[in-house]
């Protein structure tokens, strides 16, 4: 990674988001803005401050609240000053149930879509001026193989899969609207997190190491595409 990079990451109290922060603040040239719903309860995240070589700022952010998303702009301006935002990592997401197309609760679909699609979309909108000022101009949207009709994971996890298919189209539209940006969707793999659940195969550290390597080598030529953590393109 080039020196002196700035990062904004959602959902950093645990799992993949927390691991991103852990690896990034180990480098003194990184400035990381880590967000989660309740920082006061994010013990592991706060513990990273004491050993951080890079600069770590922790902000409260509920990505289901458009008001909260808009309210974070002033804090970001205060932290970055004249600097741009190199990387926006839209990691925060929910998976409320392993439901099916004919039995999901409408409220679950609305809540899932709000957090998994509307929140990341609006966050990118309000942070765009900072992204456009940066070196890298990079947006990483988290998706899943469950969102790929080409891979065909059959009926499971309907609401979650529908929402992540929305992230795929958001990624495509963002890339086409702003070709100077690099915007990609990624499947981080089946990671050992609370959301990953029992049976998950990949440690968060392994997933994040691969994702950081993928981001480092990605350019606007890859923008609008959907990848595994190792860089294999996934069919929509």
Protein backbone atom coordinates (compact mmCIF):
# COMPACT_ATOMS: atom_id res chain seq x y z
CA UNK A 1 0.00 0.00 0.00
CA UNK A 2 1.24 3.56 -0.67
CA UNK A 3 2.12 5.75 2.32
CA UNK A 4 -0.26 8.05 4.15
CA UNK A 5 -3.59 6.50 3.32
CA UNK A 6 -6.95 7.32 4.87
CA UNK A 7 -9.68 4.79 5.57
CA UNK A 8 -13.34 4.86 6.63
CA UNK A 9 -14.75 1.49 7.73
CA UNK A 10 -18.23 0.58 8.95
CA UNK A 11 -19.15 -2.25 11.30
CA UNK A 12 -15.83 -2.39 13.15
CA UNK A 13 -16.89 -3.65 16.58
CA UNK A 14 -16.28 -7.28 15.61
CA UNK A 15 -15.50 -9.72 12.80
CA UNK A 16 -14.11 -8.56 9.48
CA UNK A 17 -14.48 -4.86 10.27
CA UNK A 18 -12.51 -5.21 13.50
CA UNK A 19 -9.82 -7.21 11.72
CA UNK A 20 -9.49 -4.51 9.05
CA UNK A 21 -8.81 -1.97 11.78
CA UNK A 22 -6.37 -4.29 13.57
CA UNK A 23 -4.26 -4.81 10.46
CA UNK A 24 -4.41 -1.23 9.23
CA UNK A 25 -3.42 0.49 12.49
CA UNK A 26 -0.33 -1.73 12.62
CA UNK A 27 1.07 0.54 9.89
CA UNK A 28 2.09 4.05 11.02
CA UNK A 29 1.13 5.61 7.69
CA UNK A 30 -2.56 4.72 7.94
CA UNK A 31 -5.26 6.99 9.31
CA UNK A 32 -8.34 4.90 10.13
CA UNK A 33 -11.84 6.15 10.91
CA UNK A 34 -13.57 3.14 12.45
CA UNK A 35 -17.32 3.25 13.00
CA UNK A 36 -19.87 1.11 14.82
CA UNK A 37 -23.24 1.58 16.46
CA UNK A 38 -22.07 1.74 20.10
CA UNK A 39 -18.35 2.46 20.48
CA UNK A 40 -18.63 2.47 24.28
CA UNK A 41 -19.42 -1.24 24.16
CA UNK A 42 -16.81 -2.10 21.51
CA UNK A 43 -14.13 -3.29 23.92
CA UNK A 44 -11.87 -5.01 21.40
CA UNK A 45 -12.00 -2.02 19.07
CA UNK A 46 -11.11 0.43 21.82
CA UNK A 47 -8.29 -1.83 22.97
CA UNK A 48 -6.60 -1.33 19.59
CA UNK A 49 -5.92 2.30 20.45
CA UNK A 50 -3.19 1.47 22.94
CA UNK A 51 -1.03 -0.45 20.48
CA UNK A 52 -1.89 1.45 17.31
CA UNK A 53 1.05 2.65 15.23
CA UNK A 54 -1.29 4.40 12.83
CA UNK A 55 -3.89 7.02 13.69
CA UNK A 56 -7.21 5.58 14.90
CA UNK A 57 -10.46 7.51 15.29
CA UNK A 58 -13.60 5.74 16.52
CA UNK A 59 -17.00 7.23 15.69
CA UNK A 60 -20.57 6.12 16.43
CA UNK A 61 -22.55 5.29 13.30
CA UNK A 62 -25.78 3.40 12.81
CA UNK A 63 -25.88 2.70 9.07
CA UNK A 64 -29.64 2.16 9.20
CA UNK A 65 -30.09 5.85 10.10
CA UNK A 66 -29.81 8.37 7.28
CA UNK A 67 -29.62 11.16 9.86
CA UNK A 68 -26.65 9.46 11.53
CA UNK A 69 -24.93 9.02 8.18
CA UNK A 70 -25.36 12.70 7.34
CA UNK A 71 -24.18 13.66 10.83
CA UNK A 72 -20.85 11.88 10.42
CA UNK A 73 -19.69 14.31 7.69
CA UNK A 74 -18.64 17.04 10.13
CA UNK A 75 -16.60 14.58 12.16
CA UNK A 76 -14.85 13.29 9.04
CA UNK A 77 -14.05 16.85 7.96
CA UNK A 78 -12.57 17.57 11.37
CA UNK A 79 -10.38 14.46 11.25
CA UNK A 80 -9.21 14.71 7.64
CA UNK A 81 -8.82 18.46 7.33
CA UNK A 82 -7.52 19.08 3.81
CA UNK A 83 -6.90 15.40 3.12
CA UNK A 84 -9.14 13.20 1.02
CA UNK A 85 -10.58 9.79 1.85
CA UNK A 86 -8.69 7.06 0.02
CA UNK A 87 -10.79 4.04 0.98
CA UNK A 88 -14.44 3.66 1.97
CA UNK A 89 -15.14 0.11 3.16
CA UNK A 90 -18.86 -0.64 3.44
CA UNK A 91 -18.67 -3.64 5.74
CA UNK A 92 -21.64 -3.22 8.12
CA UNK A 93 -24.54 -5.55 7.30
CA UNK A 94 -27.28 -7.66 8.82
CA UNK A 95 -28.66 -11.12 8.09
CA UNK A 96 -31.85 -11.47 10.10
CA UNK A 97 -32.94 -14.96 9.09
CA UNK A 98 -32.23 -17.96 6.89
CA UNK A 99 -35.57 -17.49 5.17
CA UNK A 100 -37.09 -18.40 1.80
CA UNK A 101 -38.85 -16.50 -0.97
CA UNK A 102 -42.36 -17.45 0.16
CA UNK A 103 -41.99 -17.18 3.91
CA UNK A 104 -39.83 -14.14 4.72
CA UNK A 105 -41.25 -11.33 6.81
CA UNK A 106 -41.72 -8.11 4.81
CA UNK A 107 -40.32 -6.09 7.72
CA UNK A 108 -37.17 -8.24 7.68
CA UNK A 109 -36.65 -7.50 4.00
CA UNK A 110 -37.14 -3.75 4.56
CA UNK A 111 -34.75 -3.67 7.54
CA UNK A 112 -32.15 -5.76 5.72
CA UNK A 113 -32.32 -3.66 2.56
CA UNK A 114 -32.06 -0.45 4.60
CA UNK A 115 -28.85 -1.54 6.35
CA UNK A 116 -27.26 -3.52 3.51
CA UNK A 117 -28.04 -1.26 0.54
CA UNK A 118 -29.55 2.13 1.45
CA UNK A 119 -27.00 2.81 4.18
CA UNK A 120 -23.90 2.07 2.06
CA UNK A 121 -25.40 3.99 -0.87
CA UNK A 122 -26.09 7.10 1.19
CA UNK A 123 -22.76 6.92 3.00
CA UNK A 124 -20.97 6.93 -0.36
CA UNK A 125 -23.05 9.94 -1.39
CA UNK A 126 -22.18 12.05 1.64
CA UNK A 127 -18.49 11.03 1.63
CA UNK A 128 -18.03 11.47 -2.12
CA UNK A 129 -16.42 14.95 -1.84
CA UNK A 130 -13.72 13.47 0.41
CA UNK A 131 -13.25 10.44 -1.86
CA UNK A 132 -12.87 12.65 -4.93
CA UNK A 133 -10.03 14.55 -3.21
CA UNK A 134 -8.03 11.41 -2.49
CA UNK A 135 -5.19 9.45 -4.08
CA UNK A 136 -7.00 6.12 -4.46
CA UNK A 137 -10.71 7.05 -4.79
CA UNK A 138 -11.76 3.56 -3.75
CA UNK A 139 -15.09 2.12 -2.55
CA UNK A 140 -15.32 -1.50 -1.40
CA UNK A 141 -18.86 -2.85 -1.10
CA UNK A 142 -19.25 -6.15 0.72
CA UNK A 143 -21.37 -8.74 -1.04
CA UNK A 144 -21.63 -12.54 -0.94
CA UNK A 145 -21.69 -15.47 -3.29
CA UNK A 146 -25.32 -15.88 -2.24
CA UNK A 147 -26.06 -12.76 -4.31
CA UNK A 148 -24.85 -14.36 -7.54
CA UNK A 149 -27.53 -15.86 -9.75
CA UNK A 150 -24.69 -17.35 -11.82
CA UNK A 151 -23.38 -19.36 -8.86
CA UNK A 152 -26.93 -20.45 -7.92
CA UNK A 153 -26.95 -21.10 -4.18
CA UNK A 154 -30.60 -22.13 -4.41
CA UNK A 155 -33.39 -20.99 -2.03
CA UNK A 156 -31.53 -20.18 1.19
CA UNK A 157 -31.16 -16.76 2.85
CA UNK A 158 -33.67 -14.98 0.63
CA UNK A 159 -33.76 -11.51 2.23
CA UNK A 160 -29.99 -11.35 2.72
CA UNK A 161 -29.33 -12.53 -0.84
CA UNK A 162 -31.82 -10.03 -2.31
CA UNK A 163 -30.16 -7.17 -0.43
CA UNK A 164 -26.68 -8.15 -1.55
CA UNK A 165 -27.86 -8.39 -5.14
CA UNK A 166 -28.86 -4.75 -4.64
CA UNK A 167 -25.28 -3.99 -3.56
CA UNK A 168 -24.08 -5.51 -6.82
CA UNK A 169 -26.21 -3.14 -8.86
CA UNK A 170 -25.21 -0.21 -6.65
CA UNK A 171 -21.56 -1.06 -7.34
CA UNK A 172 -22.23 -1.17 -11.09
CA UNK A 173 -24.08 2.16 -11.08
CA UNK A 174 -21.45 3.89 -8.93
CA UNK A 175 -18.69 2.71 -11.26
CA UNK A 176 -20.53 3.86 -14.37
CA UNK A 177 -21.45 7.24 -12.84
CA UNK A 178 -17.92 8.01 -11.61
CA UNK A 179 -15.41 6.22 -13.87
CA UNK A 180 -12.51 7.94 -12.13
CA UNK A 181 -13.30 5.92 -8.99
CA UNK A 182 -12.53 2.27 -8.32
CA UNK A 183 -15.69 0.63 -6.96
CA UNK A 184 -15.81 -3.13 -6.49
CA UNK A 185 -18.07 -5.65 -4.77
CA UNK A 186 -16.40 -8.53 -2.93
CA UNK A 187 -17.29 -11.83 -1.35
CA UNK A 188 -14.93 -12.14 1.63
CA UNK A 189 -15.51 -15.88 1.90
CA UNK A 190 -17.22 -17.91 4.61
CA UNK A 191 -15.54 -16.19 7.55
CA UNK A 192 -15.57 -17.21 11.22
CA UNK A 193 -17.69 -14.36 12.55
CA UNK A 194 -21.01 -14.04 14.35
CA UNK A 195 -22.72 -13.69 10.97
CA UNK A 196 -20.67 -16.50 9.43
CA UNK A 197 -21.92 -18.86 12.11
CA UNK A 198 -20.99 -22.44 12.89
CA UNK A 199 -19.08 -24.22 10.18
CA UNK A 200 -17.36 -21.15 8.72
CA UNK A 201 -13.98 -22.01 7.22
CA UNK A 202 -11.86 -18.85 7.07
CA UNK A 203 -10.29 -16.80 9.86
CA UNK A 204 -10.95 -13.04 9.68
CA UNK A 205 -7.21 -12.37 9.45
CA UNK A 206 -6.87 -14.54 6.34
CA UNK A 207 -9.84 -12.88 4.65
CA UNK A 208 -8.67 -9.34 5.40
CA UNK A 209 -5.09 -10.01 4.28
CA UNK A 210 -6.42 -11.19 0.92
CA UNK A 211 -8.84 -8.27 0.63
CA UNK A 212 -6.13 -5.70 1.32
CA UNK A 213 -3.93 -7.31 -1.33
CA UNK A 214 -6.84 -7.23 -3.80
CA UNK A 215 -7.50 -3.57 -3.07
CA UNK A 216 -3.84 -2.67 -3.44
CA UNK A 217 -3.68 -4.05 -6.98
CA UNK A 218 -7.14 -2.99 -8.18
CA UNK A 219 -7.51 -0.05 -10.59
CA UNK A 220 -10.44 1.69 -12.31
CA UNK A 221 -10.21 -1.06 -14.95
CA UNK A 222 -11.71 -3.45 -12.36
CA UNK A 223 -14.37 -0.97 -11.30
CA UNK A 224 -17.97 -2.19 -11.32
CA UNK A 225 -17.02 -5.86 -11.01
CA UNK A 226 -17.64 -8.55 -8.40
CA UNK A 227 -14.70 -10.54 -6.98
CA UNK A 228 -13.76 -13.20 -4.47
CA UNK A 229 -11.31 -12.06 -1.81
CA UNK A 230 -8.44 -13.44 -3.93
CA UNK A 231 -9.49 -11.61 -7.09
CA UNK A 232 -11.41 -14.21 -9.08
CA UNK A 233 -14.31 -12.50 -10.85
CA UNK A 234 -17.75 -13.76 -9.79
CA UNK A 235 -20.66 -13.86 -12.28
CA UNK A 236 -23.51 -11.57 -11.37
